[in-house]
Amino acid sequence: MSKLTQNDLEWLKDMVQRGEITADQANVEKVRMARVVVVTKLPAQVRSVLNAAVKTGELSHMKKDGRKPEVYYHPNFEHLANEERNRSEKKMLEALAGVFARP
């Protein structure tokens, strides 16, 4: 996942404090700036805002599929979303193998 820099986070906070964007718009912009966000738990309000952004085409979404996690991502970066989901699945399988492996 592309992590946001401290500068990016400060910019978003500043935009919200100045009233140029809402907190909901900042959440959508945060996903667009990060390109891919893997979701494990998400407050209902944030999820509804992100789903609304999916309906308008600002974001894209992949549902959880088996061991692959749910992701929200910038529409131009589907390949990164696929890579991130595969990486998360592999990491989870390696963790399970470590627990079940015999010495």
N, C-alpha and C. Protein backbone atom coordinates (compact mmCIF):
# COMPACT_ATOMS: atom_id res chain seq x y z
N MET A 1 0.84 -1.18 0.00
CA MET A 1 0.00 0.00 0.00
C MET A 1 0.87 1.23 0.00
N SER A 2 0.50 2.21 -0.74
CA SER A 2 1.21 3.48 -0.75
C SER A 2 0.84 4.23 0.52
N LYS A 3 1.82 4.44 1.35
CA LYS A 3 1.57 5.18 2.58
C LYS A 3 1.58 6.67 2.28
N LEU A 4 0.71 7.39 2.97
CA LEU A 4 0.70 8.84 2.81
C LEU A 4 1.84 9.42 3.63
N THR A 5 2.43 10.47 3.12
CA THR A 5 3.49 11.14 3.86
C THR A 5 2.87 12.06 4.91
N GLN A 6 3.67 12.47 5.85
CA GLN A 6 3.20 13.39 6.88
C GLN A 6 2.71 14.69 6.22
N ASN A 7 3.38 15.11 5.16
CA ASN A 7 2.99 16.32 4.45
C ASN A 7 1.59 16.18 3.84
N ASP A 8 1.30 15.01 3.27
CA ASP A 8 -0.03 14.77 2.69
C ASP A 8 -1.12 14.83 3.76
N LEU A 9 -0.84 14.19 4.91
CA LEU A 9 -1.82 14.20 6.00
C LEU A 9 -2.04 15.60 6.55
N GLU A 10 -0.96 16.35 6.70
CA GLU A 10 -1.08 17.73 7.18
C GLU A 10 -1.87 18.59 6.20
N TRP A 11 -1.65 18.37 4.90
CA TRP A 11 -2.37 19.13 3.88
C TRP A 11 -3.87 18.85 3.99
N LEU A 12 -4.24 17.56 4.13
CA LEU A 12 -5.65 17.21 4.27
C LEU A 12 -6.26 17.83 5.52
N LYS A 13 -5.55 17.75 6.65
CA LYS A 13 -6.05 18.35 7.89
C LYS A 13 -6.23 19.85 7.74
N ASP A 14 -5.28 20.50 7.09
CA ASP A 14 -5.36 21.95 6.89
C ASP A 14 -6.56 22.32 6.02
N MET A 15 -6.79 21.55 4.97
CA MET A 15 -7.93 21.81 4.09
C MET A 15 -9.25 21.69 4.85
N VAL A 16 -9.34 20.70 5.74
CA VAL A 16 -10.56 20.52 6.53
C VAL A 16 -10.71 21.67 7.52
N GLN A 17 -9.62 22.04 8.19
CA GLN A 17 -9.68 23.13 9.18
C GLN A 17 -10.06 24.45 8.54
N ARG A 18 -9.61 24.69 7.32
CA ARG A 18 -9.94 25.94 6.63
C ARG A 18 -11.34 25.89 6.01
N GLY A 19 -11.96 24.73 6.05
CA GLY A 19 -13.32 24.60 5.54
C GLY A 19 -13.40 24.45 4.03
N GLU A 20 -12.28 24.16 3.39
CA GLU A 20 -12.28 24.00 1.93
C GLU A 20 -12.84 22.65 1.50
N ILE A 21 -12.68 21.64 2.36
CA ILE A 21 -13.28 20.33 2.12
C ILE A 21 -13.85 19.82 3.44
N THR A 22 -14.78 18.89 3.34
CA THR A 22 -15.35 18.29 4.54
C THR A 22 -14.49 17.09 4.95
N ALA A 23 -14.76 16.58 6.13
CA ALA A 23 -14.05 15.39 6.60
C ALA A 23 -14.36 14.20 5.68
N ASP A 24 -15.59 14.13 5.19
CA ASP A 24 -15.95 13.05 4.27
C ASP A 24 -15.15 13.14 2.96
N GLN A 25 -15.04 14.35 2.44
CA GLN A 25 -14.24 14.54 1.22
C GLN A 25 -12.77 14.23 1.48
N ALA A 26 -12.29 14.53 2.68
CA ALA A 26 -10.90 14.24 3.04
C ALA A 26 -10.66 12.72 3.06
N ASN A 27 -11.64 11.96 3.53
CA ASN A 27 -11.49 10.50 3.54
C ASN A 27 -11.39 9.95 2.12
N VAL A 28 -12.20 10.47 1.22
CA VAL A 28 -12.14 10.04 -0.18
C VAL A 28 -10.80 10.45 -0.79
N GLU A 29 -10.39 11.67 -0.52
CA GLU A 29 -9.12 12.16 -1.07
C GLU A 29 -7.94 11.37 -0.52
N LYS A 30 -8.03 10.95 0.72
CA LYS A 30 -6.97 10.16 1.35
C LYS A 30 -6.78 8.84 0.59
N VAL A 31 -7.88 8.19 0.22
CA VAL A 31 -7.80 6.94 -0.54
C VAL A 31 -7.22 7.22 -1.92
N ARG A 32 -7.66 8.29 -2.56
CA ARG A 32 -7.15 8.62 -3.89
C ARG A 32 -5.65 8.91 -3.86
N MET A 33 -5.20 9.59 -2.80
CA MET A 33 -3.78 9.92 -2.69
C MET A 33 -2.94 8.68 -2.39
N ALA A 34 -3.47 7.77 -1.57
CA ALA A 34 -2.75 6.56 -1.21
C ALA A 34 -2.81 5.51 -2.33
N ARG A 35 -3.74 5.68 -3.24
CA ARG A 35 -3.99 4.80 -4.39
C ARG A 35 -4.71 3.52 -4.00
N VAL A 36 -4.33 2.87 -2.90
CA VAL A 36 -4.97 1.63 -2.46
C VAL A 36 -5.06 1.64 -0.94
N VAL A 37 -6.22 1.28 -0.41
CA VAL A 37 -6.38 1.14 1.04
C VAL A 37 -7.03 -0.21 1.31
N VAL A 38 -6.31 -1.05 2.06
CA VAL A 38 -6.84 -2.35 2.47
C VAL A 38 -7.70 -2.13 3.70
N VAL A 39 -8.91 -2.68 3.68
CA VAL A 39 -9.87 -2.44 4.75
C VAL A 39 -10.02 -3.69 5.59
N THR A 40 -9.85 -3.52 6.91
CA THR A 40 -10.17 -4.60 7.83
C THR A 40 -11.38 -4.19 8.65
N LYS A 41 -11.30 -3.06 9.31
CA LYS A 41 -12.44 -2.50 10.04
C LYS A 41 -12.58 -1.04 9.63
N LEU A 42 -13.81 -0.60 9.52
CA LEU A 42 -14.07 0.76 9.07
C LEU A 42 -15.37 1.25 9.71
N PRO A 43 -15.36 2.46 10.28
CA PRO A 43 -16.61 2.99 10.84
C PRO A 43 -17.69 3.08 9.75
N ALA A 44 -18.93 2.91 10.15
CA ALA A 44 -20.04 2.88 9.19
C ALA A 44 -20.14 4.18 8.39
N GLN A 45 -19.90 5.31 9.03
CA GLN A 45 -20.00 6.58 8.31
C GLN A 45 -18.93 6.68 7.22
N VAL A 46 -17.71 6.27 7.53
CA VAL A 46 -16.63 6.32 6.54
C VAL A 46 -16.93 5.36 5.41
N ARG A 47 -17.40 4.17 5.76
CA ARG A 47 -17.73 3.18 4.73
C ARG A 47 -18.81 3.71 3.78
N SER A 48 -19.83 4.36 4.33
CA SER A 48 -20.90 4.89 3.48
C SER A 48 -20.39 6.00 2.58
N VAL A 49 -19.48 6.83 3.07
CA VAL A 49 -18.89 7.89 2.24
C VAL A 49 -18.06 7.28 1.12
N LEU A 50 -17.26 6.27 1.44
CA LEU A 50 -16.43 5.63 0.42
C LEU A 50 -17.31 4.91 -0.61
N ASN A 51 -18.37 4.27 -0.16
CA ASN A 51 -19.29 3.60 -1.10
C ASN A 51 -19.99 4.62 -2.01
N ALA A 52 -20.32 5.78 -1.46
CA ALA A 52 -20.92 6.84 -2.30
C ALA A 52 -19.91 7.31 -3.35
N ALA A 53 -18.64 7.39 -2.97
CA ALA A 53 -17.60 7.78 -3.92
C ALA A 53 -17.42 6.71 -5.00
N VAL A 54 -17.63 5.47 -4.64
CA VAL A 54 -17.57 4.39 -5.64
C VAL A 54 -18.71 4.56 -6.65
N LYS A 55 -19.90 4.90 -6.16
CA LYS A 55 -21.05 5.07 -7.05
C LYS A 55 -20.85 6.24 -8.01
N THR A 56 -20.15 7.30 -7.57
CA THR A 56 -19.91 8.45 -8.44
C THR A 56 -18.71 8.26 -9.35
N GLY A 57 -17.92 7.19 -9.11
CA GLY A 57 -16.77 6.92 -9.95
C GLY A 57 -15.47 7.52 -9.45
N GLU A 58 -15.47 8.17 -8.31
CA GLU A 58 -14.24 8.73 -7.76
C GLU A 58 -13.30 7.64 -7.26
N LEU A 59 -13.87 6.55 -6.74
CA LEU A 59 -13.10 5.43 -6.23
C LEU A 59 -13.63 4.14 -6.84
N SER A 60 -12.86 3.08 -6.67
CA SER A 60 -13.30 1.74 -7.04
C SER A 60 -13.20 0.86 -5.80
N HIS A 61 -13.85 -0.29 -5.84
CA HIS A 61 -13.94 -1.15 -4.67
C HIS A 61 -13.89 -2.60 -5.09
N MET A 62 -13.17 -3.41 -4.32
CA MET A 62 -13.19 -4.86 -4.49
C MET A 62 -13.62 -5.47 -3.18
N LYS A 63 -14.64 -6.32 -3.24
CA LYS A 63 -15.14 -6.99 -2.05
C LYS A 63 -14.15 -8.04 -1.59
N LYS A 64 -14.27 -8.42 -0.33
CA LYS A 64 -13.46 -9.50 0.20
C LYS A 64 -13.77 -10.76 -0.58
N ASP A 65 -12.73 -11.50 -0.94
CA ASP A 65 -12.89 -12.71 -1.73
C ASP A 65 -12.04 -13.81 -1.09
N GLY A 66 -12.69 -14.68 -0.34
CA GLY A 66 -11.95 -15.74 0.34
C GLY A 66 -10.99 -15.14 1.35
N ARG A 67 -9.71 -15.36 1.14
CA ARG A 67 -8.69 -14.82 2.04
C ARG A 67 -8.19 -13.44 1.61
N LYS A 68 -8.60 -13.01 0.44
CA LYS A 68 -8.17 -11.70 -0.04
C LYS A 68 -9.01 -10.62 0.63
N PRO A 69 -8.36 -9.57 1.12
CA PRO A 69 -9.10 -8.53 1.85
C PRO A 69 -9.87 -7.59 0.93
N GLU A 70 -10.75 -6.82 1.54
CA GLU A 70 -11.51 -5.79 0.85
C GLU A 70 -10.59 -4.59 0.62
N VAL A 71 -10.70 -3.94 -0.53
CA VAL A 71 -9.90 -2.74 -0.81
C VAL A 71 -10.73 -1.67 -1.49
N TYR A 72 -10.41 -0.43 -1.17
CA TYR A 72 -10.89 0.73 -1.91
C TYR A 72 -9.65 1.29 -2.61
N TYR A 73 -9.81 1.75 -3.85
CA TYR A 73 -8.64 2.21 -4.59
C TYR A 73 -9.01 3.25 -5.64
N HIS A 74 -7.99 3.98 -6.06
CA HIS A 74 -8.12 4.95 -7.15
C HIS A 74 -8.42 4.16 -8.42
N PRO A 75 -9.40 4.58 -9.21
CA PRO A 75 -9.79 3.79 -10.39
C PRO A 75 -8.66 3.52 -11.39
N ASN A 76 -7.65 4.35 -11.44
CA ASN A 76 -6.56 4.15 -12.40
C ASN A 76 -5.51 3.16 -11.91
N PHE A 77 -5.67 2.63 -10.70
CA PHE A 77 -4.64 1.78 -10.12
C PHE A 77 -5.17 0.42 -9.70
N GLU A 78 -5.96 -0.20 -10.57
CA GLU A 78 -6.49 -1.52 -10.26
C GLU A 78 -5.37 -2.55 -10.13
N HIS A 79 -4.32 -2.41 -10.92
CA HIS A 79 -3.20 -3.35 -10.84
C HIS A 79 -2.54 -3.29 -9.46
N LEU A 80 -2.44 -2.10 -8.87
CA LEU A 80 -1.87 -1.99 -7.53
C LEU A 80 -2.80 -2.61 -6.49
N ALA A 81 -4.09 -2.46 -6.68
CA ALA A 81 -5.06 -3.06 -5.76
C ALA A 81 -4.95 -4.58 -5.80
N ASN A 82 -4.82 -5.14 -7.00
CA ASN A 82 -4.66 -6.59 -7.13
C ASN A 82 -3.38 -7.07 -6.45
N GLU A 83 -2.28 -6.34 -6.66
CA GLU A 83 -1.01 -6.70 -6.03
C GLU A 83 -1.11 -6.64 -4.51
N GLU A 84 -1.75 -5.61 -3.99
CA GLU A 84 -1.88 -5.45 -2.55
C GLU A 84 -2.74 -6.55 -1.96
N ARG A 85 -3.82 -6.91 -2.62
CA ARG A 85 -4.67 -8.00 -2.13
C ARG A 85 -3.90 -9.32 -2.13
N ASN A 86 -3.14 -9.58 -3.19
CA ASN A 86 -2.34 -10.81 -3.25
C ASN A 86 -1.27 -10.81 -2.17
N ARG A 87 -0.64 -9.67 -1.93
CA ARG A 87 0.39 -9.56 -0.91
C ARG A 87 -0.21 -9.81 0.48
N SER A 88 -1.38 -9.27 0.74
CA SER A 88 -2.04 -9.47 2.03
C SER A 88 -2.43 -10.93 2.23
N GLU A 89 -2.93 -11.56 1.16
CA GLU A 89 -3.30 -12.98 1.25
C GLU A 89 -2.07 -13.83 1.52
N LYS A 90 -0.98 -13.56 0.83
CA LYS A 90 0.25 -14.33 1.02
C LYS A 90 0.78 -14.16 2.44
N LYS A 91 0.74 -12.93 2.95
CA LYS A 91 1.21 -12.66 4.30
C LYS A 91 0.37 -13.44 5.32
N MET A 92 -0.94 -13.50 5.12
CA MET A 92 -1.82 -14.21 6.03
C MET A 92 -1.55 -15.71 5.96
N LEU A 93 -1.35 -16.25 4.76
CA LEU A 93 -1.06 -17.68 4.61
C LEU A 93 0.28 -18.04 5.25
N GLU A 94 1.27 -17.19 5.12
CA GLU A 94 2.57 -17.43 5.76
C GLU A 94 2.44 -17.43 7.28
N ALA A 95 1.60 -16.54 7.80
CA ALA A 95 1.37 -16.49 9.25
C ALA A 95 0.69 -17.78 9.71
N LEU A 96 -0.30 -18.25 8.95
CA LEU A 96 -0.96 -19.50 9.29
C LEU A 96 -0.01 -20.69 9.20
N ALA A 97 0.84 -20.71 8.18
CA ALA A 97 1.80 -21.78 8.03
C ALA A 97 2.78 -21.79 9.19
N GLY A 98 3.14 -20.63 9.70
CA GLY A 98 4.03 -20.54 10.84
C GLY A 98 3.42 -21.11 12.10
N VAL A 99 2.12 -20.97 12.24
CA VAL A 99 1.42 -21.50 13.42
C VAL A 99 1.25 -22.99 13.31
N PHE A 100 0.93 -23.50 12.11
CA PHE A 100 0.65 -24.91 11.93
C PHE A 100 1.85 -25.76 11.56
N ALA A 101 2.98 -25.14 11.21
CA ALA A 101 4.15 -25.89 10.77
C ALA A 101 4.76 -26.65 11.95
N ARG A 102 5.30 -27.80 11.64
CA ARG A 102 5.97 -28.61 12.67
C ARG A 102 7.43 -28.21 12.72
N PRO A 103 8.02 -28.26 13.91
CA PRO A 103 9.44 -27.89 14.04
C PRO A 103 10.38 -28.89 13.38
